[in-house]
Amino acid sequence: MKRNLLLTPGPTKIPEQLLEVLARPIIHHRTPQFQNEIKEVSEGLQYICQTQNEVYTVPASGTGAMEAAVCNLLSPGDKAICVEGGKFGERWAEICKAFNVAPVIVKVEWGKDVTVAQIKAELDKEPSIKAVFVTLVETSTGVTSDIKSIADVVKNTKAVLVVDAVSGLGVTDLQMDNWSVDVVCSASHKGLMLPPGVAFVAVSPKAYKYMETSANHRFYFDLRKAKKALDKVDTAFTPAISIMIAMNESIKMIKTEGLQNKFAQYARLAKGVQAAAEALGLKLFAQPSCRSNVLTAICVPDGMSAKKIAKEMRDVHGITIAAGQGHVEDKIVRIAHMGCLDEYDLLTGIACLEKVLAKQGHKFEFGTGLAAAQKVYNSDACAPSACGCKH
């Protein structure tokens, strides 16, 4: 059987114990058995989001959670800041326009992080702004935003802070309540190690007041319906039953290891991949101050094609990484280190990357990247009980 190792920024590799749960016979969703799953999943998502606020699930991918946030919070004619530092930041503005919300664009050079000063300047200039849409981890660039500092500014205004945490949740620290974040959007197929199919939105009381007064059209993604159903330990519409049940198990796995231990684990994995890339003479795309623990974006050598590198790794060697997006689609490759990936998965990916780079003419000594990653993983060792690694 051909290898199928996913080192992509979503969907991610699924642990065997969750594959077993997903393969179980389906149950009906209007039953006491599934109500128990709903209750546990809701409480578990509060743990993952680090909040006491309610978390509403909808059958969708992460973009469904983002759309639900826009159409529930805002009315036609409202203004909202949208931070555009990559393809997913641009998506916030695209969704706003679809619902006749006027986006106030904050442009950020790809590979860099938005500054608090940029956001504060727009809030001071436009006091009528009702929402600030930001991205926790911009997977098109490998950049992590300083959500805590942004929240410190937004919380003192009428605006609500809405975070696209689709990729970063459970991988990068995001303290919804402690940092005064109003809305967190995420989904099942990234840090929670499951197939796409369940999106969820955590909502603060400040944000829910906006949802009660929004004049925008909404039906399937109406979070008022989701709240009404959750109050009865139910879902508004047919859920992705098997994924919801597996999500319950996924959250239990994360709880067993502990969120802070998971964050440390992903930081360690990221450090190894970054060291490998630099040892091979490759430039990292994101600036050092904002590099992500979710994935590493690596610039390919001049004259080489990121798409060809990714294609050969996938089609010839069975290891899937991602090329870039937008104007850097053929200039960077992106290697994820989240979910249930461990150092051995990443060492396999680095070895394959070396093989493909050498074939395409990049000059380096074989094993250089592997040695750099191994040095990190051996010197920055963590106990199995802390991160789940087996070494």
Protein backbone atom coordinates (compact mmCIF):
# COMPACT_ATOMS: atom_id res chain seq x y z
CA MET A 1 0.00 0.00 0.00
CA LYS A 2 1.37 3.42 -0.97
CA ARG A 3 2.38 5.74 1.84
CA ASN A 4 -0.07 8.57 2.56
CA LEU A 5 1.57 10.90 5.05
CA LEU A 6 -0.20 14.24 5.40
CA LEU A 7 2.09 17.10 6.39
CA THR A 8 -0.47 19.62 5.19
CA PRO A 9 -2.08 22.51 7.09
CA GLY A 10 -5.42 20.74 7.05
CA PRO A 11 -6.85 18.25 6.84
CA THR A 12 -4.33 16.67 9.14
CA LYS A 13 -3.28 13.11 9.88
CA ILE A 14 -5.94 11.26 11.92
CA PRO A 15 -4.82 9.09 14.86
CA GLU A 16 -5.71 5.40 14.66
CA GLN A 17 -7.88 5.57 17.78
CA LEU A 18 -10.02 8.27 16.15
CA LEU A 19 -10.25 6.30 12.89
CA GLU A 20 -11.74 3.49 14.95
CA VAL A 21 -14.34 5.83 16.45
CA LEU A 22 -15.22 7.21 13.01
CA ALA A 23 -15.79 3.67 11.74
CA ARG A 24 -18.37 2.77 14.39
CA PRO A 25 -22.02 2.31 13.32
CA ILE A 26 -23.86 5.61 13.22
CA ILE A 27 -26.48 6.47 15.81
CA HIS A 28 -29.51 8.75 15.54
CA HIS A 29 -28.94 12.34 16.62
CA ARG A 30 -32.28 12.87 18.38
CA THR A 31 -31.54 10.39 21.13
CA PRO A 32 -30.35 10.51 24.74
CA GLN A 33 -27.13 8.77 23.62
CA PHE A 34 -26.25 11.60 21.26
CA GLN A 35 -27.33 14.21 23.81
CA ASN A 36 -24.56 12.89 26.04
CA GLU A 37 -22.10 13.43 23.18
CA ILE A 38 -23.37 16.98 22.60
CA LYS A 39 -22.98 17.85 26.26
CA GLU A 40 -19.44 16.48 26.47
CA VAL A 41 -18.37 18.05 23.17
CA SER A 42 -19.73 21.45 24.23
CA GLU A 43 -17.84 21.32 27.51
CA GLY A 44 -14.75 20.03 25.75
CA LEU A 45 -14.77 22.84 23.20
CA GLN A 46 -14.94 25.32 26.05
CA TYR A 47 -11.74 23.75 27.36
CA ILE A 48 -10.05 24.00 23.95
CA CYS A 49 -11.17 27.62 23.48
CA GLN A 50 -10.26 28.41 27.11
CA THR A 51 -13.67 29.95 27.75
CA GLN A 52 -16.82 29.74 29.82
CA ASN A 53 -18.81 31.11 26.87
CA GLU A 54 -21.13 28.89 24.87
CA VAL A 55 -19.70 27.21 21.78
CA TYR A 56 -22.09 26.53 18.90
CA THR A 57 -21.45 23.78 16.34
CA VAL A 58 -22.54 23.79 12.71
CA PRO A 59 -22.00 21.14 10.01
CA ALA A 60 -19.41 22.88 7.83
CA SER A 61 -15.73 23.48 7.24
CA GLY A 62 -13.92 26.39 8.87
CA THR A 63 -15.23 28.90 6.33
CA GLY A 64 -18.74 28.09 7.56
CA ALA A 65 -17.75 29.25 11.03
CA MET A 66 -16.35 32.46 9.55
CA GLU A 67 -19.51 33.11 7.54
CA ALA A 68 -21.65 32.42 10.61
CA ALA A 69 -19.69 35.03 12.55
CA VAL A 70 -20.17 37.71 9.89
CA CYS A 71 -23.86 37.17 9.13
CA ASN A 72 -24.82 36.85 12.80
CA LEU A 73 -22.83 39.78 14.17
CA LEU A 74 -23.34 42.48 11.57
CA SER A 75 -26.02 44.22 9.55
CA PRO A 76 -25.87 45.58 6.01
CA GLY A 77 -24.00 48.88 6.01
CA ASP A 78 -21.95 48.12 9.13
CA LYS A 79 -18.19 48.62 9.00
CA ALA A 80 -15.62 46.04 10.08
CA ILE A 81 -11.84 45.94 10.10
CA CYS A 82 -10.41 43.03 8.10
CA VAL A 83 -6.71 42.30 8.44
CA GLU A 84 -5.35 41.09 5.11
CA GLY A 85 -1.93 39.48 5.47
CA GLY A 86 -2.66 36.32 3.49
CA LYS A 87 -5.37 34.38 1.69
CA PHE A 88 -7.43 33.68 4.80
CA GLY A 89 -7.30 37.26 6.00
CA GLU A 90 -8.62 38.21 2.57
CA ARG A 91 -11.47 35.76 3.08
CA TRP A 92 -12.83 37.86 5.95
CA ALA A 93 -13.27 40.80 3.56
CA GLU A 94 -14.83 38.59 0.89
CA ILE A 95 -17.43 37.27 3.34
CA CYS A 96 -18.18 40.78 4.61
CA LYS A 97 -18.83 42.00 1.07
CA ALA A 98 -21.18 39.06 0.46
CA PHE A 99 -23.33 40.30 3.36
CA ASN A 100 -23.12 43.98 2.43
CA VAL A 101 -20.78 44.79 5.30
CA ALA A 102 -18.18 47.43 4.45
CA PRO A 103 -14.68 46.07 5.09
CA VAL A 104 -12.04 48.48 6.33
CA ILE A 105 -8.92 46.79 4.98
CA VAL A 106 -5.69 46.73 6.98
CA LYS A 107 -3.03 45.56 4.54
CA VAL A 108 -0.08 43.60 5.90
CA GLU A 109 2.90 42.43 3.88
CA TRP A 110 2.78 38.65 3.51
CA GLY A 111 5.15 37.05 5.98
CA LYS A 112 4.74 39.81 8.54
CA ASP A 113 2.28 40.32 11.41
CA VAL A 114 -0.24 43.11 11.78
CA THR A 115 0.71 45.68 14.41
CA VAL A 116 -1.56 46.85 17.19
CA ALA A 117 -0.91 50.42 16.05
CA GLN A 118 -2.42 49.65 12.63
CA ILE A 119 -5.64 48.38 14.18
CA LYS A 120 -5.83 51.16 16.77
CA ALA A 121 -5.41 53.78 14.05
CA GLU A 122 -8.43 52.47 12.16
CA LEU A 123 -10.54 52.18 15.31
CA ASP A 124 -9.68 55.79 16.24
CA LYS A 125 -10.45 56.96 12.72
CA GLU A 126 -13.76 55.06 12.45
CA PRO A 127 -15.56 54.91 15.83
CA SER A 128 -18.54 53.24 14.13
CA ILE A 129 -16.59 50.05 13.43
CA LYS A 130 -18.48 47.11 14.97
CA ALA A 131 -16.05 44.23 14.47
CA VAL A 132 -12.36 43.48 14.00
CA PHE A 133 -11.67 40.31 12.01
CA VAL A 134 -8.21 38.80 12.44
CA THR A 135 -6.51 35.45 11.83
CA LEU A 136 -4.73 33.60 14.61
CA VAL A 137 -2.49 31.64 12.24
CA GLU A 138 -2.35 32.66 8.59
CA THR A 139 -1.68 29.30 6.96
CA SER A 140 -0.82 30.84 3.59
CA THR A 141 2.23 32.53 5.15
CA GLY A 142 3.07 30.72 8.41
CA VAL A 143 2.45 33.84 10.52
CA THR A 144 0.90 33.94 14.00
CA SER A 145 -0.85 37.13 15.13
CA ASP A 146 -0.47 38.68 18.58
CA ILE A 147 -4.12 38.25 19.55
CA LYS A 148 -3.62 39.21 23.18
CA SER A 149 -2.23 42.65 22.30
CA ILE A 150 -4.92 43.25 19.70
CA ALA A 151 -7.61 42.29 22.21
CA ASP A 152 -6.21 44.78 24.73
CA VAL A 153 -7.06 47.54 22.27
CA VAL A 154 -10.37 46.25 20.91
CA LYS A 155 -11.93 45.47 24.30
CA ASN A 156 -12.11 49.18 25.15
CA THR A 157 -14.19 49.98 22.06
CA LYS A 158 -17.69 49.12 20.85
CA ALA A 159 -16.18 46.66 18.38
CA VAL A 160 -16.01 42.92 18.93
CA LEU A 161 -12.84 40.97 18.22
CA VAL A 162 -13.43 37.94 15.97
CA VAL A 163 -10.60 35.44 15.51
CA ASP A 164 -10.25 32.92 12.71
CA ALA A 165 -8.64 30.14 14.75
CA VAL A 166 -9.42 27.41 12.22
CA SER A 167 -5.77 26.34 11.96
CA GLY A 168 -4.37 27.53 15.25
CA LEU A 169 -6.85 26.34 17.86
CA GLY A 170 -5.38 23.66 20.09
CA VAL A 171 -1.94 24.28 18.58
CA THR A 172 -1.25 27.90 19.56
CA ASP A 173 -2.30 29.50 22.81
CA LEU A 174 -5.57 31.43 22.53
CA GLN A 175 -7.10 32.41 25.86
CA MET A 176 -10.55 33.60 24.88
CA ASP A 177 -11.75 34.73 28.30
CA ASN A 178 -8.46 35.93 29.81
CA TRP A 179 -7.65 37.99 26.73
CA SER A 180 -11.20 39.34 26.15
CA VAL A 181 -11.65 37.76 22.71
CA ASP A 182 -15.30 37.97 21.66
CA VAL A 183 -15.66 35.31 18.97
CA VAL A 184 -13.49 32.30 18.13
CA CYS A 185 -14.11 30.39 14.89
CA SER A 186 -12.62 26.97 14.26
CA ALA A 187 -13.26 23.50 12.85
CA SER A 188 -12.60 19.80 13.23
CA HIS A 189 -9.94 19.11 10.59
CA LYS A 190 -6.87 20.88 11.96
CA GLY A 191 -5.65 20.72 15.55
CA LEU A 192 -8.52 18.43 16.54
CA MET A 193 -7.20 15.73 14.18
CA LEU A 194 -10.48 14.85 12.43
CA PRO A 195 -12.00 14.99 8.94
CA PRO A 196 -13.67 18.23 7.81
CA GLY A 197 -17.34 18.48 8.71
CA VAL A 198 -17.81 20.25 12.04
CA ALA A 199 -17.28 23.99 12.47
CA PHE A 200 -17.81 25.81 15.74
CA VAL A 201 -18.11 29.35 17.02
CA ALA A 202 -17.51 30.47 20.60
CA VAL A 203 -19.39 33.66 21.45
CA SER A 204 -18.96 36.18 24.28
CA PRO A 205 -21.96 38.00 25.87
CA LYS A 206 -20.81 41.23 24.17
CA ALA A 207 -20.89 39.52 20.78
CA TYR A 208 -24.19 37.75 21.41
CA LYS A 209 -25.90 41.10 21.94
CA TYR A 210 -24.86 42.02 18.40
CA MET A 211 -26.23 38.71 17.16
CA GLU A 212 -29.63 39.47 18.67
CA THR A 213 -29.85 42.77 16.79
CA SER A 214 -28.24 41.83 13.45
CA ALA A 215 -30.51 42.54 10.49
CA ASN A 216 -28.63 40.28 8.11
CA HIS A 217 -30.26 37.32 6.35
CA ARG A 218 -29.35 33.96 7.90
CA PHE A 219 -30.96 30.57 8.17
CA TYR A 220 -28.70 27.50 8.30
CA PHE A 221 -25.94 29.46 10.04
CA ASP A 222 -28.28 31.31 12.40
CA LEU A 223 -26.51 31.02 15.74
CA ARG A 224 -29.65 32.05 17.60
CA LYS A 225 -31.11 28.72 16.48
CA ALA A 226 -27.91 26.99 17.57
CA LYS A 227 -28.19 28.57 21.01
CA LYS A 228 -31.86 27.62 21.35
CA ALA A 229 -31.01 24.04 20.44
CA LEU A 230 -27.97 23.88 22.73
CA ASP A 231 -30.12 25.05 25.64
CA LYS A 232 -32.03 21.79 25.09
CA VAL A 233 -28.80 19.80 24.58
CA ASP A 234 -29.58 19.46 20.90
CA THR A 235 -28.50 20.77 17.49
CA ALA A 236 -30.55 23.01 15.24
CA PHE A 237 -30.02 20.80 12.18
CA THR A 238 -28.65 17.33 11.44
CA PRO A 239 -25.06 17.30 12.68
CA ALA A 240 -22.05 15.41 11.37
CA ILE A 241 -22.81 12.66 13.86
CA SER A 242 -19.74 10.46 13.54
CA ILE A 243 -17.35 13.41 13.54
CA MET A 244 -19.04 14.89 16.61
CA ILE A 245 -18.59 11.61 18.48
CA ALA A 246 -14.96 11.38 17.37
CA MET A 247 -14.44 15.01 18.41
CA ASN A 248 -15.46 14.06 21.91
CA GLU A 249 -12.68 11.44 21.92
CA SER A 250 -10.20 13.85 20.35
CA ILE A 251 -10.80 16.43 23.06
CA LYS A 252 -10.33 13.76 25.72
CA MET A 253 -6.95 12.91 24.18
CA ILE A 254 -5.93 16.57 24.27
CA LYS A 255 -7.14 16.96 27.84
CA THR A 256 -5.09 13.95 28.91
CA GLU A 257 -1.94 15.57 27.59
CA GLY A 258 -2.90 19.11 28.61
CA LEU A 259 -3.17 22.17 26.39
CA GLN A 260 0.03 23.81 27.60
CA ASN A 261 1.96 20.59 27.00
CA LYS A 262 0.49 20.40 23.51
CA PHE A 263 1.58 23.97 22.78
CA ALA A 264 5.12 23.14 23.91
CA GLN A 265 5.11 20.00 21.77
CA TYR A 266 4.14 21.90 18.61
CA ALA A 267 6.72 24.61 19.30
CA ARG A 268 9.38 21.92 19.52
CA LEU A 269 8.28 20.26 16.28
CA ALA A 270 8.25 23.64 14.51
CA LYS A 271 11.73 24.46 15.76
CA GLY A 272 13.08 21.24 14.23
CA VAL A 273 11.53 21.88 10.81
CA GLN A 274 12.77 25.47 10.79
CA ALA A 275 16.29 24.37 11.73
CA ALA A 276 16.25 21.77 8.95
CA ALA A 277 15.18 24.31 6.33
CA GLU A 278 17.85 26.80 7.31
CA ALA A 279 20.53 24.09 7.39
CA LEU A 280 19.62 23.28 3.78
CA GLY A 281 20.23 26.90 2.84
CA LEU A 282 16.53 27.71 2.49
CA LYS A 283 14.94 30.94 3.67
CA LEU A 284 11.92 30.91 5.97
CA PHE A 285 9.06 33.02 4.63
CA ALA A 286 7.64 34.36 7.90
CA GLN A 287 9.56 36.88 9.98
CA PRO A 288 11.24 35.43 13.10
CA SER A 289 9.02 37.36 15.52
CA CYS A 290 5.77 35.84 14.26
CA ARG A 291 6.59 32.36 12.97
CA SER A 292 3.89 29.81 13.54
CA ASN A 293 3.94 26.53 15.44
CA VAL A 294 1.18 25.28 13.13
CA LEU A 295 3.26 25.14 9.95
CA THR A 296 6.50 26.36 8.47
CA ALA A 297 6.52 28.26 5.17
CA ILE A 298 9.80 27.70 3.32
CA CYS A 299 11.03 29.61 0.26
CA VAL A 300 12.21 27.28 -2.49
CA PRO A 301 15.54 27.95 -4.23
CA ASP A 302 15.51 30.47 -7.07
CA GLY A 303 14.49 28.88 -10.34
CA MET A 304 12.67 25.98 -8.70
CA SER A 305 8.93 25.37 -8.59
CA ALA A 306 7.21 24.87 -5.25
CA LYS A 307 4.32 23.18 -7.03
CA LYS A 308 6.63 20.67 -8.71
CA ILE A 309 8.38 19.91 -5.41
CA ALA A 310 5.05 19.32 -3.65
CA LYS A 311 3.73 17.24 -6.58
CA GLU A 312 6.76 14.94 -6.66
CA MET A 313 6.73 14.43 -2.90
CA ARG A 314 3.04 13.50 -3.05
CA ASP A 315 2.82 11.50 -6.28
CA VAL A 316 6.17 9.71 -6.15
CA HIS A 317 6.87 9.37 -2.44
CA GLY A 318 3.41 9.53 -0.83
CA ILE A 319 4.21 12.51 1.40
CA THR A 320 1.87 15.47 1.01
CA ILE A 321 3.03 18.99 1.77
CA ALA A 322 1.45 22.18 0.42
CA ALA A 323 2.76 24.66 -2.11
CA GLY A 324 1.97 28.34 -1.60
CA GLN A 325 -1.12 30.37 -2.34
CA GLY A 326 -1.79 33.62 -4.12
CA HIS A 327 1.25 35.42 -5.48
CA VAL A 328 3.63 33.00 -3.71
CA GLU A 329 1.91 29.79 -4.86
CA ASP A 330 5.01 28.61 -6.72
CA LYS A 331 7.59 30.20 -4.42
CA ILE A 332 7.05 28.51 -1.05
CA VAL A 333 6.25 25.09 0.34
CA ARG A 334 4.41 24.68 3.61
CA ILE A 335 5.05 21.84 6.05
CA ALA A 336 2.60 21.43 8.94
CA HIS A 337 3.51 20.18 12.42
CA MET A 338 0.18 19.95 14.21
CA GLY A 339 -2.43 17.42 15.19
CA CYS A 340 -1.04 13.95 15.86
CA LEU A 341 2.17 14.44 13.86
CA ASP A 342 5.34 13.54 15.72
CA GLU A 343 9.05 14.06 15.14
CA TYR A 344 9.36 10.85 13.12
CA ASP A 345 6.69 12.00 10.67
CA LEU A 346 8.56 15.26 10.22
CA LEU A 347 11.96 13.60 9.88
CA THR A 348 10.44 11.45 7.13
CA GLY A 349 9.16 14.58 5.41
CA ILE A 350 12.51 16.35 5.72
CA ALA A 351 14.35 13.33 4.26
CA CYS A 352 11.95 13.31 1.31
CA LEU A 353 12.32 17.05 0.81
CA GLU A 354 16.10 16.63 0.68
CA LYS A 355 15.75 13.91 -1.96
CA VAL A 356 13.47 16.01 -4.17
CA LEU A 357 15.52 19.20 -3.78
CA ALA A 358 18.69 17.36 -4.76
CA LYS A 359 16.99 15.86 -7.80
CA GLN A 360 15.95 19.34 -8.91
CA GLY A 361 19.50 20.66 -8.60
CA HIS A 362 19.76 22.25 -5.16
CA LYS A 363 23.31 21.83 -3.82
CA PHE A 364 23.80 20.66 -0.24
CA GLU A 365 25.23 17.73 1.67
CA PHE A 366 22.69 14.94 2.10
CA GLY A 367 21.50 14.62 5.68
CA THR A 368 22.18 18.25 6.58
CA GLY A 369 18.53 19.04 7.21
CA LEU A 370 17.91 15.80 9.02
CA ALA A 371 20.91 16.37 11.30
CA ALA A 372 19.72 19.88 12.19
CA ALA A 373 16.23 18.64 13.04
CA GLN A 374 17.58 15.69 15.01
CA LYS A 375 19.79 18.03 16.98
CA VAL A 376 16.73 20.04 18.00
CA TYR A 377 14.65 17.00 18.83
CA ASN A 378 17.43 15.35 20.82
CA SER A 379 18.52 18.44 22.74
CA ASP A 380 15.02 19.79 23.30
CA ALA A 381 13.61 16.46 24.42
CA CYS A 382 10.28 16.22 26.16
CA ALA A 383 8.92 13.45 28.32
CA PRO A 384 6.37 11.12 26.67
CA SER A 385 3.89 11.95 29.42
CA ALA A 386 4.11 15.63 28.53
CA CYS A 387 3.57 15.60 24.79
CA GLY A 388 2.69 12.10 23.68
CA CYS A 389 5.87 11.64 21.64
CA LYS A 390 7.43 8.19 21.65
CA HIS A 391 11.18 8.62 21.94
